[in-house]
């Protein structure tokens, strides 16, 4: 248990250092980080199908401040971890698409979901919301019991 915690902490520290060493994080950087995260998840979670889709029409020149890029990455990470840990999802999909208002990021699972009116908001849900607020990203969670959950980020460009 201590070993697993330590490895997770080291991994998060490396991600933070990665972001701090950059003044900007490109969409391509973010894509690489998320792809790496997906690969690791697929290696360790044999009972979950985890996919990542990036809209090919998105410009490779899109950049975020290091804080914004890292916050987007951490929200995606938290939403997917919630799907693995709590939702008992068999499928998790991360999609990044171009929309008229900017970039739409969605993290969708087919897990057990929850009632939005009665759920006790723990650290994970609150942290995602706070991260989004700090960097000016619209944040929304849609969930239905036994239907799954979708976390949505709308990033204005």
C-alpha atoms as a PDB file:
ATOM      1  CA  UNK A   1       0.000   0.000   0.000  1.00  0.00           C
ATOM      2  CA  UNK A   2       2.807   2.419   0.859  1.00  0.00           C
ATOM      3  CA  UNK A   3       4.650   1.416  -2.320  1.00  0.00           C
ATOM      4  CA  UNK A   4       1.589   2.110  -4.489  1.00  0.00           C
ATOM      5  CA  UNK A   5       1.033   5.464  -2.783  1.00  0.00           C
ATOM      6  CA  UNK A   6       4.689   6.422  -3.229  1.00  0.00           C
ATOM      7  CA  UNK A   7       4.696   5.507  -6.929  1.00  0.00           C
ATOM      8  CA  UNK A   8       1.532   7.560  -7.469  1.00  0.00           C
ATOM      9  CA  UNK A   9       3.014  10.519  -5.639  1.00  0.00           C
ATOM     10  CA  UNK A  10       6.229  10.353  -7.662  1.00  0.00           C
ATOM     11  CA  UNK A  11       4.224  10.156 -10.897  1.00  0.00           C
ATOM     12  CA  UNK A  12       2.178  13.228  -9.926  1.00  0.00           C
ATOM     13  CA  UNK A  13       5.331  15.099  -8.931  1.00  0.00           C
ATOM     14  CA  UNK A  14       6.903  14.353 -12.329  1.00  0.00           C
ATOM     15  CA  UNK A  15       3.777  15.682 -14.051  1.00  0.00           C
ATOM     16  CA  UNK A  16       3.904  18.849 -11.984  1.00  0.00           C
ATOM     17  CA  UNK A  17       7.600  19.367 -12.740  1.00  0.00           C
ATOM     18  CA  UNK A  18       6.875  18.753 -16.438  1.00  0.00           C
ATOM     19  CA  UNK A  19       4.269  21.536 -16.390  1.00  0.00           C
ATOM     20  CA  UNK A  20       6.354  23.930 -14.304  1.00  0.00           C
ATOM     21  CA  UNK A  21       9.299  23.648 -16.693  1.00  0.00           C
ATOM     22  CA  UNK A  22       7.169  24.981 -19.532  1.00  0.00           C
ATOM     23  CA  UNK A  23       5.750  28.453 -19.972  1.00  0.00           C
ATOM     24  CA  UNK A  24       3.169  27.013 -22.374  1.00  0.00           C
ATOM     25  CA  UNK A  25       1.671  23.554 -22.840  1.00  0.00           C
ATOM     26  CA  UNK A  26       0.643  22.797 -26.384  1.00  0.00           C
ATOM     27  CA  UNK A  27      -2.333  20.659 -27.307  1.00  0.00           C
ATOM     28  CA  UNK A  28       0.235  18.226 -28.688  1.00  0.00           C
ATOM     29  CA  UNK A  29       1.993  18.088 -25.266  1.00  0.00           C
ATOM     30  CA  UNK A  30      -1.349  17.468 -23.599  1.00  0.00           C
ATOM     31  CA  UNK A  31      -2.194  14.782 -26.159  1.00  0.00           C
ATOM     32  CA  UNK A  32       1.098  12.997 -25.435  1.00  0.00           C
ATOM     33  CA  UNK A  33       0.559  13.160 -21.659  1.00  0.00           C
ATOM     34  CA  UNK A  34      -3.014  11.861 -21.877  1.00  0.00           C
ATOM     35  CA  UNK A  35      -1.959   9.106 -24.306  1.00  0.00           C
ATOM     36  CA  UNK A  36       0.752   8.031 -21.867  1.00  0.00           C
ATOM     37  CA  UNK A  37      -1.782   7.982 -19.036  1.00  0.00           C
ATOM     38  CA  UNK A  38      -4.182   5.889 -21.172  1.00  0.00           C
ATOM     39  CA  UNK A  39      -1.418   3.407 -22.042  1.00  0.00           C
ATOM     40  CA  UNK A  40      -0.526   2.951 -18.377  1.00  0.00           C
ATOM     41  CA  UNK A  41      -4.175   2.536 -17.423  1.00  0.00           C
ATOM     42  CA  UNK A  42      -4.674  -0.074 -20.150  1.00  0.00           C
ATOM     43  CA  UNK A  43      -1.647  -2.019 -18.865  1.00  0.00           C
ATOM     44  CA  UNK A  44      -2.988  -2.179 -15.319  1.00  0.00           C
ATOM     45  CA  UNK A  45      -6.764  -2.278 -15.790  1.00  0.00           C
ATOM     46  CA  UNK A  46      -7.502  -5.409 -17.763  1.00  0.00           C
ATOM     47  CA  UNK A  47     -11.257  -5.293 -17.193  1.00  0.00           C
ATOM     48  CA  UNK A  48     -11.705  -1.729 -18.497  1.00  0.00           C
ATOM     49  CA  UNK A  49     -11.698  -0.522 -22.104  1.00  0.00           C
ATOM     50  CA  UNK A  50     -10.090   2.908 -22.052  1.00  0.00           C
ATOM     51  CA  UNK A  51     -10.034   5.013 -25.224  1.00  0.00           C
ATOM     52  CA  UNK A  52      -8.757   8.452 -26.126  1.00  0.00           C
ATOM     53  CA  UNK A  53      -9.892  10.383 -29.202  1.00  0.00           C
ATOM     54  CA  UNK A  54      -8.439  13.680 -30.387  1.00  0.00           C
ATOM     55  CA  UNK A  55     -10.239  15.578 -33.149  1.00  0.00           C
ATOM     56  CA  UNK A  56      -7.802  15.715 -36.066  1.00  0.00           C
ATOM     57  CA  UNK A  57      -9.201  19.089 -37.172  1.00  0.00           C
ATOM     58  CA  UNK A  58      -7.798  20.779 -34.045  1.00  0.00           C
ATOM     59  CA  UNK A  59      -4.834  23.021 -34.733  1.00  0.00           C
ATOM     60  CA  UNK A  60      -1.499  21.722 -33.475  1.00  0.00           C
ATOM     61  CA  UNK A  61      -0.614  25.347 -32.629  1.00  0.00           C
ATOM     62  CA  UNK A  62      -3.097  25.580 -29.730  1.00  0.00           C
ATOM     63  CA  UNK A  63      -1.297  26.390 -26.481  1.00  0.00           C
ATOM     64  CA  UNK A  64      -2.333  26.831 -22.873  1.00  0.00           C
ATOM     65  CA  UNK A  65      -0.543  28.428 -19.961  1.00  0.00           C
ATOM     66  CA  UNK A  66       1.277  25.773 -17.943  1.00  0.00           C
ATOM     67  CA  UNK A  67      -1.262  26.173 -15.117  1.00  0.00           C
ATOM     68  CA  UNK A  68      -4.243  25.810 -17.459  1.00  0.00           C
ATOM     69  CA  UNK A  69      -2.736  22.855 -19.337  1.00  0.00           C
ATOM     70  CA  UNK A  70      -1.866  21.061 -16.102  1.00  0.00           C
ATOM     71  CA  UNK A  71      -5.328  21.767 -14.666  1.00  0.00           C
ATOM     72  CA  UNK A  72      -7.022  20.301 -17.748  1.00  0.00           C
ATOM     73  CA  UNK A  73      -4.788  17.234 -17.508  1.00  0.00           C
ATOM     74  CA  UNK A  74      -5.483  16.791 -13.765  1.00  0.00           C
ATOM     75  CA  UNK A  75      -9.256  17.077 -14.310  1.00  0.00           C
ATOM     76  CA  UNK A  76      -9.084  14.371 -16.995  1.00  0.00           C
ATOM     77  CA  UNK A  77      -6.961  12.245 -14.679  1.00  0.00           C
ATOM     78  CA  UNK A  78      -9.344  12.699 -11.732  1.00  0.00           C
ATOM     79  CA  UNK A  79     -12.450  11.948 -13.800  1.00  0.00           C
ATOM     80  CA  UNK A  80     -10.936   8.758 -15.213  1.00  0.00           C
ATOM     81  CA  UNK A  81      -9.665   7.661 -11.803  1.00  0.00           C
ATOM     82  CA  UNK A  82     -13.174   8.167 -10.390  1.00  0.00           C
ATOM     83  CA  UNK A  83     -14.561   5.983 -13.169  1.00  0.00           C
ATOM     84  CA  UNK A  84     -12.098   3.211 -12.280  1.00  0.00           C
ATOM     85  CA  UNK A  85     -12.339   3.470  -8.495  1.00  0.00           C
ATOM     86  CA  UNK A  86     -15.964   4.294  -7.777  1.00  0.00           C
ATOM     87  CA  UNK A  87     -18.124   3.880 -10.867  1.00  0.00           C
ATOM     88  CA  UNK A  88     -17.032   0.306 -11.612  1.00  0.00           C
ATOM     89  CA  UNK A  89     -17.011   1.308 -15.276  1.00  0.00           C
ATOM     90  CA  UNK A  90     -16.171  -1.170 -18.014  1.00  0.00           C
ATOM     91  CA  UNK A  91     -15.661   1.551 -20.627  1.00  0.00           C
ATOM     92  CA  UNK A  92     -14.078   4.976 -20.228  1.00  0.00           C
ATOM     93  CA  UNK A  93     -13.631   7.386 -23.112  1.00  0.00           C
ATOM     94  CA  UNK A  94     -11.771  10.692 -23.235  1.00  0.00           C
ATOM     95  CA  UNK A  95     -12.548  12.882 -26.251  1.00  0.00           C
ATOM     96  CA  UNK A  96     -11.185  16.277 -27.252  1.00  0.00           C
ATOM     97  CA  UNK A  97     -13.128  17.985 -30.053  1.00  0.00           C
ATOM     98  CA  UNK A  98     -13.302  21.327 -31.829  1.00  0.00           C
ATOM     99  CA  UNK A  99     -16.592  23.169 -31.281  1.00  0.00           C
ATOM    100  CA  UNK A 100     -17.638  26.675 -32.284  1.00  0.00           C
ATOM    101  CA  UNK A 101     -17.021  27.992 -28.747  1.00  0.00           C
ATOM    102  CA  UNK A 102     -13.544  26.429 -28.464  1.00  0.00           C
ATOM    103  CA  UNK A 103     -12.489  22.958 -27.338  1.00  0.00           C
ATOM    104  CA  UNK A 104     -14.821  20.424 -25.775  1.00  0.00           C
ATOM    105  CA  UNK A 105     -13.267  17.775 -23.553  1.00  0.00           C
ATOM    106  CA  UNK A 106     -15.493  14.948 -22.385  1.00  0.00           C
ATOM    107  CA  UNK A 107     -14.691  12.061 -20.087  1.00  0.00           C
ATOM    108  CA  UNK A 108     -17.466   9.510 -20.294  1.00  0.00           C
ATOM    109  CA  UNK A 109     -17.949   6.205 -18.502  1.00  0.00           C
ATOM    110  CA  UNK A 110     -20.604   3.505 -18.464  1.00  0.00           C
ATOM    111  CA  UNK A 111     -20.350   2.965 -14.712  1.00  0.00           C
ATOM    112  CA  UNK A 112     -22.981   2.964 -12.020  1.00  0.00           C
ATOM    113  CA  UNK A 113     -23.398   6.744 -12.035  1.00  0.00           C
ATOM    114  CA  UNK A 114     -24.989   8.696  -9.212  1.00  0.00           C
ATOM    115  CA  UNK A 115     -27.880  11.004  -8.415  1.00  0.00           C
ATOM    116  CA  UNK A 116     -26.624  14.566  -8.840  1.00  0.00           C
ATOM    117  CA  UNK A 117     -29.070  15.831  -6.188  1.00  0.00           C
ATOM    118  CA  UNK A 118     -27.999  13.485  -3.402  1.00  0.00           C
ATOM    119  CA  UNK A 119     -24.332  12.736  -4.089  1.00  0.00           C
ATOM    120  CA  UNK A 120     -21.903  13.721  -1.377  1.00  0.00           C
ATOM    121  CA  UNK A 121     -19.281  15.787  -3.179  1.00  0.00           C
ATOM    122  CA  UNK A 122     -15.900  14.502  -2.059  1.00  0.00           C
ATOM    123  CA  UNK A 123     -12.440  15.869  -2.729  1.00  0.00           C
ATOM    124  CA  UNK A 124     -12.326  14.540  -6.303  1.00  0.00           C
ATOM    125  CA  UNK A 125     -15.482  16.264  -7.543  1.00  0.00           C
ATOM    126  CA  UNK A 126     -14.683  19.469  -5.664  1.00  0.00           C
ATOM    127  CA  UNK A 127     -11.067  19.525  -6.876  1.00  0.00           C
ATOM    128  CA  UNK A 128     -12.133  19.165 -10.511  1.00  0.00           C
ATOM    129  CA  UNK A 129     -14.602  22.021 -10.153  1.00  0.00           C
ATOM    130  CA  UNK A 130     -12.074  24.270  -8.375  1.00  0.00           C
ATOM    131  CA  UNK A 131      -9.344  23.580 -10.943  1.00  0.00           C
ATOM    132  CA  UNK A 132     -11.741  24.488 -13.755  1.00  0.00           C
ATOM    133  CA  UNK A 133     -12.846  27.701 -12.013  1.00  0.00           C
ATOM    134  CA  UNK A 134      -9.264  28.809 -11.341  1.00  0.00           C
ATOM    135  CA  UNK A 135      -8.275  28.579 -15.025  1.00  0.00           C
ATOM    136  CA  UNK A 136     -11.581  29.827 -16.470  1.00  0.00           C
ATOM    137  CA  UNK A 137     -12.819  26.576 -17.976  1.00  0.00           C
ATOM    138  CA  UNK A 138     -16.547  25.781 -18.025  1.00  0.00           C
ATOM    139  CA  UNK A 139     -17.114  22.559 -16.057  1.00  0.00           C
ATOM    140  CA  UNK A 140     -20.142  20.307 -15.924  1.00  0.00           C
ATOM    141  CA  UNK A 141     -20.927  16.829 -14.643  1.00  0.00           C
ATOM    142  CA  UNK A 142     -23.835  14.789 -15.972  1.00  0.00           C
ATOM    143  CA  UNK A 143     -24.644  11.524 -14.239  1.00  0.00           C
ATOM    144  CA  UNK A 144     -27.543   9.129 -13.956  1.00  0.00           C
ATOM    145  CA  UNK A 145     -27.789   6.145 -11.670  1.00  0.00           C
ATOM    146  CA  UNK A 146     -26.938   2.934 -13.560  1.00  0.00           C
ATOM    147  CA  UNK A 147     -26.285   4.945 -16.763  1.00  0.00           C
ATOM    148  CA  UNK A 148     -22.796   6.370 -16.190  1.00  0.00           C
ATOM    149  CA  UNK A 149     -21.186   9.758 -15.846  1.00  0.00           C
ATOM    150  CA  UNK A 150     -19.851  12.382 -18.218  1.00  0.00           C
ATOM    151  CA  UNK A 151     -17.485  15.168 -17.168  1.00  0.00           C
ATOM    152  CA  UNK A 152     -17.478  18.046 -19.659  1.00  0.00           C
ATOM    153  CA  UNK A 153     -14.959  20.855 -20.038  1.00  0.00           C
ATOM    154  CA  UNK A 154     -15.488  23.733 -22.438  1.00  0.00           C
ATOM    155  CA  UNK A 155     -12.260  25.606 -23.070  1.00  0.00           C
ATOM    156  CA  UNK A 156     -12.641  28.979 -24.791  1.00  0.00           C
ATOM    157  CA  UNK A 157      -9.914  29.904 -27.245  1.00  0.00           C
END
